[in-house]
Every structure is written in C-alpha cells, then in structure tokens.
Amino acid sequence: MLSDAASAAAVLSYKHHEPQLLAAPTHAELAHRGKLEPRLSPHDRATAATLPLVPRFLTILALAVAHSTTAPRLLTEGANTPCLLTEGAALSRSLAADAEPSRPPRRSLVGSVDGFDVALLRDKLDGHERFSLILGNDRRKGAKAARILCEVDDAAIHVRGVEVAEEQRGRGLAKLALGTLAALGVLLDAEIRARPQTKPVVARALTSLGFRPVDESWPIMIAPGAGGRTIVCPAYPADTRPHFSFAVIKAQRLDVVAAAPSGAKPTFIRTAFVHPDNTALAETVTAEFYAARLLAFAATVEAFQPRLLAQSCCCNMGV
C-alpha cells in the first residue's frame, strides 16, 4: 500500500505529472498540485487532520473524489473510516498504475503556518536522512525567514541547527519553526529531539518550549542585548570555564559578561535536548499540511520509510 500511496501522492503533487491527471476523466478533478484539503468540508478537514500521514492521505483522497463527483460526504467514526481507506487505497492504485518514472524535486511546499509557507528541502549530500524545514514568505525570491536543519533516525527527528534571517530575528520564528516541526513529527509518528547545541539563542528557544537538557553540566543565562546582540554569562559566578569559542562569539554576536543582567533567562549549552510531550509542542502552532505533498516528499527520505510502512500496515488492518 505504501508504494501505491507514495506514487499517487507524487502524481497529485508534482507539475510534470499534471498532463497525466488531466488526460484521465476520472482523475482530472484532482489536478490541484497536491492541495486536496480545500476540496473538503470544514468538518472533514478537521477530522482527517487527526490521522497519521498515510491514512490521512488515503482518507482525504477518497473524500476529495466524493466531493467532486457526488453529494458531500462527512468523515465519521466507525464503519465509514475503513470504507474511506478502502476507497483511498483503490484510487491510489489507479493513480500509481499510470505513473511514469520521474525524479522528485529537492524542495517541496508542503503547508503553511501563521502566514508563512512551510517547505521541506532534502539535503544535497545526504538526502536519505537529512532535510531542512523552511519558513518563507516570499516565493518569488525563495527567501528563508527561518530554517531548521534536521536529521532522521530510528529514534526521532533530530534538530541539528536553527537559523533565522537577521531581519526576522526577535519575532519568535525559532519557536514557530520548532512547533511546526513538532506538528510534522506527529503526522510521521516521530519524536522531536535536538542534537547538542552551541548557539545560546537556539538553546533558549528549545528550553522555552519545554525541551529538557540531557546534560545539565553547562548552564548559562541569556538576555537580549543592544543592536541585535545577545548577552550571555555562566549561570553561576564561580563558573570560570570558557563556555564559548571565539568563533561562536563572533558568529552569534554574543556579549559575554560576568553577571546576569536583569531579565536574563536560564538555558543549557553543549547538550542534546528531548521533549516530554511532542503532541503538546505541536499544539503551540496552527500548521496546515497538504497530505499529498508531504507524503510525496517523506517517501523519498529513506529514514522515514519504516514509520510510513508501519502506518500503511495499520491501514491494511483497518481495511
């Protein structure tokens, strides 16, 4: 089922497959570049949004066809859900059967959050495990307001780094991007964790969202400084260890002081972070994802495939 669903999602999402859709009378009404959600009623969209990615895509696909060809149908619990999964699986097989081999794009627009586009970008050197989540608000220039560098393994999606455009700093975009990544993780049945961080602003964004340090050996205090700089100092005055390299101090525009200024907040550096409740973290944002586009992208990242396969197996049991 996963192979058919992923192929169908690619056919629905990518421009070069559009002639195939338009040539088939039964599929022409699905030619919306993977944005099937607007075809659904608000009730259907809200209910489908609670499902993991693969059953969500199959359900949305079945409902999109139903809304296009018959009277509107509402997604309900119980007997209707297996029926919709069966219909979605059959539609996926039909779309996949006619799909021509193609090379998926590295970057895909997969949703939106708070007025920003959400795009995913496969890593050029290691696209099997690494990708970036990007928030942008200028499609013509391809500008990145914020970016999270991610790595996937059997345990979680790991945050490798967080970048915010200089002109966008101070607007809470690091928190918005992290919350959006958590919402993505919920769809993919993946926890969100963070690799050891040396950037104090990123570390503070993580702790402010409820991430907990794995190692508390390097506590610091952090506060905004003048001219976009950041004031940092050890959490304890007696701690005279060098916390930051000269390169980090320069790159992060840090002012290292001996005592914490008024209003400074605590965090930790040189440690990985975990979150106790990824669902709660995801609920800090109102992100909308296009299931077809997200599945088409995720299926090309090999490290995601075991999770997608597990979701597919649950769909098979439901059917």
Protein backbone atom coordinates (compact mmCIF):
# COMPACT_ATOMS: atom_id res chain seq x y z
CA MET A 1 0.00 0.00 0.00
CA LEU A 2 2.80 2.45 0.83
CA SER A 3 4.33 2.24 -2.66
CA ASP A 4 0.98 2.96 -4.32
CA ALA A 5 0.14 5.75 -1.90
CA ALA A 6 3.53 7.42 -2.34
CA SER A 7 3.34 7.17 -6.14
CA ALA A 8 -0.21 8.54 -6.12
CA ALA A 9 0.85 11.42 -3.87
CA ALA A 10 3.67 12.28 -6.28
CA VAL A 11 1.32 12.19 -9.27
CA LEU A 12 -1.08 14.53 -7.49
CA SER A 13 1.63 16.90 -6.25
CA TYR A 14 4.19 17.47 -8.99
CA LYS A 15 3.67 19.68 -12.02
CA HIS A 16 5.23 17.26 -14.51
CA HIS A 17 2.51 14.69 -13.69
CA GLU A 18 -0.35 17.11 -14.33
CA PRO A 19 -0.90 16.10 -18.01
CA GLN A 20 -1.48 12.53 -16.79
CA LEU A 21 -4.24 13.69 -14.45
CA LEU A 22 -5.91 15.94 -16.98
CA ALA A 23 -5.92 13.19 -19.60
CA ALA A 24 -7.99 10.86 -17.41
CA PRO A 25 -11.63 11.96 -16.92
CA THR A 26 -11.82 10.18 -13.56
CA HIS A 27 -8.72 12.00 -12.26
CA ALA A 28 -8.93 15.44 -13.86
CA GLU A 29 -10.78 16.92 -10.89
CA LEU A 30 -7.80 16.01 -8.68
CA ALA A 31 -5.37 18.24 -10.59
CA HIS A 32 -4.74 20.73 -7.80
CA ARG A 33 -0.97 20.27 -7.30
CA GLY A 34 -1.49 18.15 -4.19
CA LYS A 35 -3.74 20.65 -2.42
CA LEU A 36 -6.75 18.41 -1.88
CA GLU A 37 -7.75 19.76 1.53
CA PRO A 38 -9.64 22.80 0.16
CA ARG A 39 -11.93 20.33 -1.65
CA LEU A 40 -13.25 19.06 1.69
CA SER A 41 -15.85 20.39 4.09
CA PRO A 42 -14.51 22.01 7.29
CA HIS A 43 -15.74 19.01 9.30
CA ASP A 44 -13.92 16.53 7.05
CA ARG A 45 -10.72 18.56 7.12
CA ALA A 46 -10.73 18.82 10.90
CA THR A 47 -11.33 15.10 11.39
CA ALA A 48 -8.84 13.97 8.75
CA ALA A 49 -6.20 16.20 10.37
CA THR A 50 -6.19 13.95 13.45
CA LEU A 51 -5.00 10.93 11.44
CA PRO A 52 -1.36 9.93 10.82
CA LEU A 53 0.01 10.82 7.40
CA VAL A 54 -0.69 7.69 5.32
CA PRO A 55 -4.31 7.10 6.46
CA ARG A 56 -4.84 10.83 6.36
CA PHE A 57 -3.79 10.96 2.71
CA LEU A 58 -5.94 7.97 1.74
CA THR A 59 -8.96 9.40 3.56
CA ILE A 60 -8.54 12.87 2.04
CA LEU A 61 -8.12 11.34 -1.42
CA ALA A 62 -11.38 9.37 -1.08
CA LEU A 63 -13.24 12.39 0.26
CA ALA A 64 -11.87 14.72 -2.43
CA VAL A 65 -13.20 12.41 -5.13
CA ALA A 66 -16.52 12.07 -3.30
CA HIS A 67 -16.93 15.83 -3.04
CA SER A 68 -16.07 16.22 -6.71
CA THR A 69 -18.45 13.61 -8.10
CA THR A 70 -21.29 13.16 -5.59
CA ALA A 71 -23.06 14.95 -2.79
CA PRO A 72 -20.68 15.96 0.03
CA ARG A 73 -19.86 13.19 2.49
CA LEU A 74 -18.78 13.62 6.06
CA LEU A 75 -16.00 11.59 7.62
CA THR A 76 -17.35 9.82 10.67
CA GLU A 77 -16.05 7.26 13.10
CA GLY A 78 -16.85 3.58 12.85
CA ALA A 79 -17.84 1.81 9.66
CA ASN A 80 -17.21 4.73 7.34
CA THR A 81 -13.50 5.01 8.12
CA PRO A 82 -12.49 1.56 6.78
CA CYS A 83 -14.66 2.25 3.75
CA LEU A 84 -12.83 5.51 3.05
CA LEU A 85 -9.46 3.80 3.49
CA THR A 86 -10.52 1.13 1.02
CA GLU A 87 -11.65 3.76 -1.48
CA GLY A 88 -8.47 5.78 -0.99
CA ALA A 89 -6.29 2.69 -1.45
CA ALA A 90 -8.12 1.79 -4.68
CA LEU A 91 -7.70 5.32 -6.00
CA SER A 92 -4.00 5.24 -5.11
CA ARG A 93 -3.53 2.00 -7.04
CA SER A 94 -5.25 3.52 -10.05
CA LEU A 95 -3.11 6.66 -9.97
CA ALA A 96 0.10 4.71 -9.34
CA ALA A 97 -0.60 2.26 -12.17
CA ASP A 98 -0.38 5.05 -14.75
CA ALA A 99 2.50 6.92 -13.13
CA GLU A 100 5.61 7.39 -15.21
CA PRO A 101 9.03 7.27 -13.52
CA SER A 102 10.21 10.73 -12.54
CA ARG A 103 12.75 12.50 -10.39
CA PRO A 104 11.11 14.32 -7.47
CA PRO A 105 12.19 17.89 -6.76
CA ARG A 106 14.52 18.50 -3.81
CA ARG A 107 12.27 21.20 -2.40
CA SER A 108 8.53 20.91 -1.86
CA LEU A 109 6.00 23.37 -0.45
CA VAL A 110 4.05 21.19 2.00
CA GLY A 111 1.91 23.58 4.05
CA SER A 112 1.57 26.89 5.84
CA VAL A 113 1.67 28.33 9.36
CA ASP A 114 0.87 31.84 10.59
CA GLY A 115 1.19 33.40 7.15
CA PHE A 116 4.43 31.60 6.27
CA ASP A 117 4.86 28.89 3.65
CA VAL A 118 6.29 25.64 5.01
CA ALA A 119 8.73 23.95 2.64
CA LEU A 120 10.89 20.85 3.00
CA LEU A 121 14.29 20.57 1.32
CA ARG A 122 16.26 17.34 1.02
CA ASP A 123 19.93 17.65 1.90
CA LYS A 124 22.07 17.75 -1.24
CA LEU A 125 24.72 15.39 0.16
CA ASP A 126 22.65 13.13 2.42
CA GLY A 127 19.03 13.28 1.33
CA HIS A 128 18.38 9.79 2.70
CA GLU A 129 18.47 11.03 6.31
CA ARG A 130 18.72 14.81 6.31
CA PHE A 131 16.38 17.60 5.29
CA SER A 132 15.52 21.18 6.20
CA LEU A 133 12.21 22.66 7.25
CA ILE A 134 11.91 26.20 5.91
CA LEU A 135 9.53 29.03 6.74
CA GLY A 136 9.26 31.61 3.97
CA ASN A 137 7.02 34.47 2.93
CA ASP A 138 8.36 35.46 -0.48
CA ARG A 139 8.03 32.69 -3.07
CA ARG A 140 9.46 34.78 -5.89
CA LYS A 141 12.78 35.31 -4.12
CA GLY A 142 12.77 32.00 -2.28
CA ALA A 143 13.66 33.86 0.91
CA LYS A 144 14.10 31.85 4.09
CA ALA A 145 12.69 33.56 7.18
CA ALA A 146 13.72 30.58 9.31
CA ARG A 147 15.22 27.16 8.72
CA ILE A 148 15.66 24.05 10.85
CA LEU A 149 18.32 21.54 9.83
CA CYS A 150 17.04 18.05 10.59
CA GLU A 151 18.33 14.50 10.71
CA VAL A 152 16.14 11.40 10.94
CA ASP A 153 16.98 8.08 12.57
CA ASP A 154 15.07 5.22 14.18
CA ALA A 155 14.62 7.20 17.40
CA ALA A 156 13.45 10.64 16.28
CA ILE A 157 13.73 13.68 14.05
CA HIS A 158 16.76 15.48 15.46
CA VAL A 159 17.24 19.25 15.24
CA ARG A 160 20.80 19.84 14.05
CA GLY A 161 20.54 23.60 13.92
CA VAL A 162 18.15 26.54 13.70
CA GLU A 163 18.70 29.62 11.54
CA VAL A 164 16.63 32.82 11.47
CA ALA A 165 17.21 35.55 8.91
CA GLU A 166 18.75 38.59 10.56
CA GLU A 167 15.89 40.90 9.56
CA GLN A 168 13.38 38.42 11.05
CA ARG A 169 15.00 37.96 14.46
CA GLY A 170 13.10 38.83 17.59
CA ARG A 171 9.73 37.73 16.17
CA GLY A 172 9.64 34.26 17.71
CA LEU A 173 10.28 32.46 14.43
CA ALA A 174 12.59 29.88 16.01
CA LYS A 175 9.74 28.82 18.29
CA LEU A 176 7.27 28.86 15.38
CA ALA A 177 9.55 26.69 13.26
CA LEU A 178 10.15 24.22 16.10
CA GLY A 179 6.43 23.96 16.80
CA THR A 180 5.81 23.36 13.09
CA LEU A 181 8.44 20.62 13.08
CA ALA A 182 6.68 19.02 16.05
CA ALA A 183 3.39 19.08 14.12
CA LEU A 184 5.18 17.39 11.25
CA GLY A 185 6.56 14.81 13.68
CA VAL A 186 3.07 13.99 14.96
CA LEU A 187 1.96 13.18 11.40
CA LEU A 188 5.00 10.98 10.88
CA ASP A 189 4.89 9.29 14.32
CA ALA A 190 8.30 10.75 15.16
CA GLU A 191 9.53 12.44 18.32
CA ILE A 192 11.42 15.71 18.04
CA ARG A 193 14.79 15.92 19.77
CA ALA A 194 17.78 18.20 19.39
CA ARG A 195 21.45 17.45 18.86
CA PRO A 196 23.94 19.17 21.21
CA GLN A 197 23.61 22.92 20.79
CA THR A 198 26.30 25.62 21.00
CA LYS A 199 24.06 28.53 19.97
CA PRO A 200 22.60 30.05 23.16
CA VAL A 201 19.61 31.60 21.35
CA VAL A 202 18.64 28.22 19.91
CA ALA A 203 19.18 26.55 23.29
CA ARG A 204 16.92 29.13 24.93
CA ALA A 205 14.23 28.64 22.26
CA LEU A 206 14.32 24.91 22.99
CA THR A 207 14.05 25.28 26.77
CA SER A 208 11.29 27.89 26.48
CA LEU A 209 9.24 25.34 24.51
CA GLY A 210 9.67 22.70 27.19
CA PHE A 211 12.66 20.81 25.83
CA ARG A 212 14.78 19.33 28.61
CA PRO A 213 18.57 19.10 28.53
CA VAL A 214 20.08 15.63 28.59
CA ASP A 215 23.16 17.04 30.35
CA GLU A 216 22.96 20.00 32.73
CA SER A 217 26.72 20.50 33.05
CA TRP A 218 26.79 23.80 31.15
CA PRO A 219 24.06 26.12 32.50
CA ILE A 220 24.03 29.71 31.25
CA MET A 221 21.91 32.86 31.46
CA ILE A 222 20.85 34.71 28.33
CA ALA A 223 19.28 38.11 27.63
CA PRO A 224 18.75 40.33 24.57
CA GLY A 225 21.40 42.98 24.10
CA ALA A 226 21.63 46.23 22.16
CA GLY A 227 21.75 46.30 18.38
CA GLY A 228 20.58 42.74 17.92
CA ARG A 229 23.34 41.27 20.05
CA THR A 230 22.87 38.67 22.79
CA ILE A 231 24.18 38.88 26.35
CA VAL A 232 25.31 35.58 27.91
CA CYS A 233 27.06 34.53 31.08
CA PRO A 234 27.59 31.41 33.19
CA ALA A 235 24.66 30.61 35.46
CA TYR A 236 26.97 30.67 38.48
CA PRO A 237 29.59 33.41 39.01
CA ALA A 238 32.09 30.84 40.31
CA ASP A 239 31.99 29.00 36.99
CA THR A 240 35.06 30.33 35.13
CA ARG A 241 35.15 27.73 32.36
CA PRO A 242 35.22 29.09 28.78
CA HIS A 243 31.70 28.41 27.57
CA PHE A 244 32.03 29.76 24.02
CA SER A 245 34.72 29.70 21.38
CA PHE A 246 35.80 32.94 19.74
CA ALA A 247 34.20 31.74 16.52
CA VAL A 248 30.82 31.22 18.23
CA ILE A 249 31.06 34.58 20.00
CA LYS A 250 31.69 36.34 16.69
CA ALA A 251 29.19 34.40 14.60
CA GLN A 252 26.39 34.61 17.17
CA ARG A 253 27.13 38.24 18.10
CA LEU A 254 27.49 37.42 21.78
CA ASP A 255 28.49 39.73 24.62
CA VAL A 256 29.91 37.54 27.39
CA VAL A 257 29.57 39.17 30.82
CA ALA A 258 30.40 38.07 34.36
CA ALA A 259 26.97 38.55 35.94
CA ALA A 260 23.48 38.04 34.55
CA PRO A 261 21.61 41.24 33.64
CA SER A 262 18.07 41.88 34.78
CA GLY A 263 15.56 39.72 32.98
CA ALA A 264 18.07 37.06 31.88
CA LYS A 265 16.66 33.58 31.27
CA PRO A 266 18.28 30.20 32.02
CA THR A 267 19.21 27.56 29.48
CA PHE A 268 21.93 25.00 28.78
CA ILE A 269 24.53 24.55 26.05
CA ARG A 270 26.72 21.67 24.88
CA THR A 271 23.87 19.24 25.43
CA ALA A 272 21.21 17.39 23.49
CA PHE A 273 17.54 18.10 24.28
CA VAL A 274 14.41 15.97 24.47
CA HIS A 275 10.76 16.95 24.83
CA PRO A 276 8.35 15.16 27.20
CA ASP A 277 5.23 15.75 25.09
CA ASN A 278 5.59 16.28 21.34
CA THR A 279 1.83 16.47 20.84
CA ALA A 280 1.60 19.40 23.25
CA LEU A 281 4.52 21.05 21.44
CA ALA A 282 2.73 20.62 18.11
CA GLU A 283 -0.36 22.28 19.53
CA THR A 284 1.58 25.51 20.13
CA VAL A 285 1.15 26.31 16.42
CA THR A 286 -1.68 26.15 13.91
CA ALA A 287 0.03 24.48 10.98
CA GLU A 288 -1.79 23.18 7.92
CA PHE A 289 -0.12 20.48 5.84
CA TYR A 290 -1.03 19.20 2.40
CA ALA A 291 -1.08 15.44 2.92
CA ALA A 292 -0.31 14.54 -0.70
CA ARG A 293 2.70 16.84 -0.92
CA LEU A 294 4.02 15.81 2.48
CA LEU A 295 3.72 12.09 1.72
CA ALA A 296 5.35 12.53 -1.70
CA PHE A 297 8.32 14.20 -0.01
CA ALA A 298 8.57 11.95 3.06
CA ALA A 299 8.54 8.79 0.94
CA THR A 300 11.79 9.90 -0.73
CA VAL A 301 13.61 10.20 2.61
CA GLU A 302 14.66 6.63 3.36
CA ALA A 303 14.82 7.17 7.12
CA PHE A 304 11.08 7.96 7.16
CA GLN A 305 10.05 4.79 5.34
CA PRO A 306 9.81 2.44 8.37
CA ARG A 307 7.36 4.85 10.01
CA LEU A 308 5.33 5.22 6.82
CA LEU A 309 5.33 1.46 6.34
CA ALA A 310 4.02 0.96 9.87
CA GLN A 311 1.20 3.40 9.15
CA SER A 312 0.42 1.52 5.95
CA CYS A 313 0.22 -1.77 7.84
CA CYS A 314 -2.32 -0.19 10.21
CA CYS A 315 -4.29 0.95 7.15
CA ASN A 316 -4.29 -2.60 5.83
CA MET A 317 -5.64 -3.85 9.15
CA GLY A 318 -8.31 -1.11 9.08
CA VAL A 319 -9.31 -2.06 5.56
